[in-house]
Amino acid sequence: MNYENKNDGFRARLEELIGDEKPFPWATRVGLSPGVFNRMWNEGIIPKGEHLVLIAEKTGCSLDWLVLGKGSRTPGPSAVASEYKPVPQIQPGIDGGVTLQVYVTGGAGDPRELIPSEPIEEIIIPKTFYNPSIVPVKVEGRSMEKTLKDGAVVGVDLADRRIV
């Protein structure tokens, strides 16, 4: 089945992004095909995720704002980014290592605030893997079991604004 979503608010947010430019040249500049943009602009259809991501990347707008009209037009720093300050400790060893404290868990299901309080565990990573913008997050749940196991620790790069 092909489900199409029409949303007048989406069109208004597009108009805000386009500003004083002519709509179709704007779409070409952003990288949208005329057919895709025509369905968005003239028919009011919310495009596929890949086109939404393209618009967000090219304009710097928040996906939540673009699709839902929620939050700020420009994405701000996340709660974790503003409050999480990793304090690495260099560990002695053959190659050395960096000790990081894990403060938050992440998983599928109900959204949750990722605001750190007390560390939930400590990990040691090779010094060459350390990047101050990467936050260790403990995986909770089995929804991505073949890729990420329940209890694994993954790094989330707060400086990377791309959606992959």
Foldseek 3Di string as FASTA:
>chain_A
DDDWDADPLLLVVLCVLCDPHDQVVVCVVLPHDPVQSCCCHVVRTDDDPVVLLSSCVSRQFDSCCNPPVDDDRHDDQALCQVAPFWDWDWDDDDQIWTKTFAFEADEDDDDDHGHGDDGPGIDIGGPVPDDRQWHWHFYDDCPPVVVDNHGDIDIDRSVDPHDD
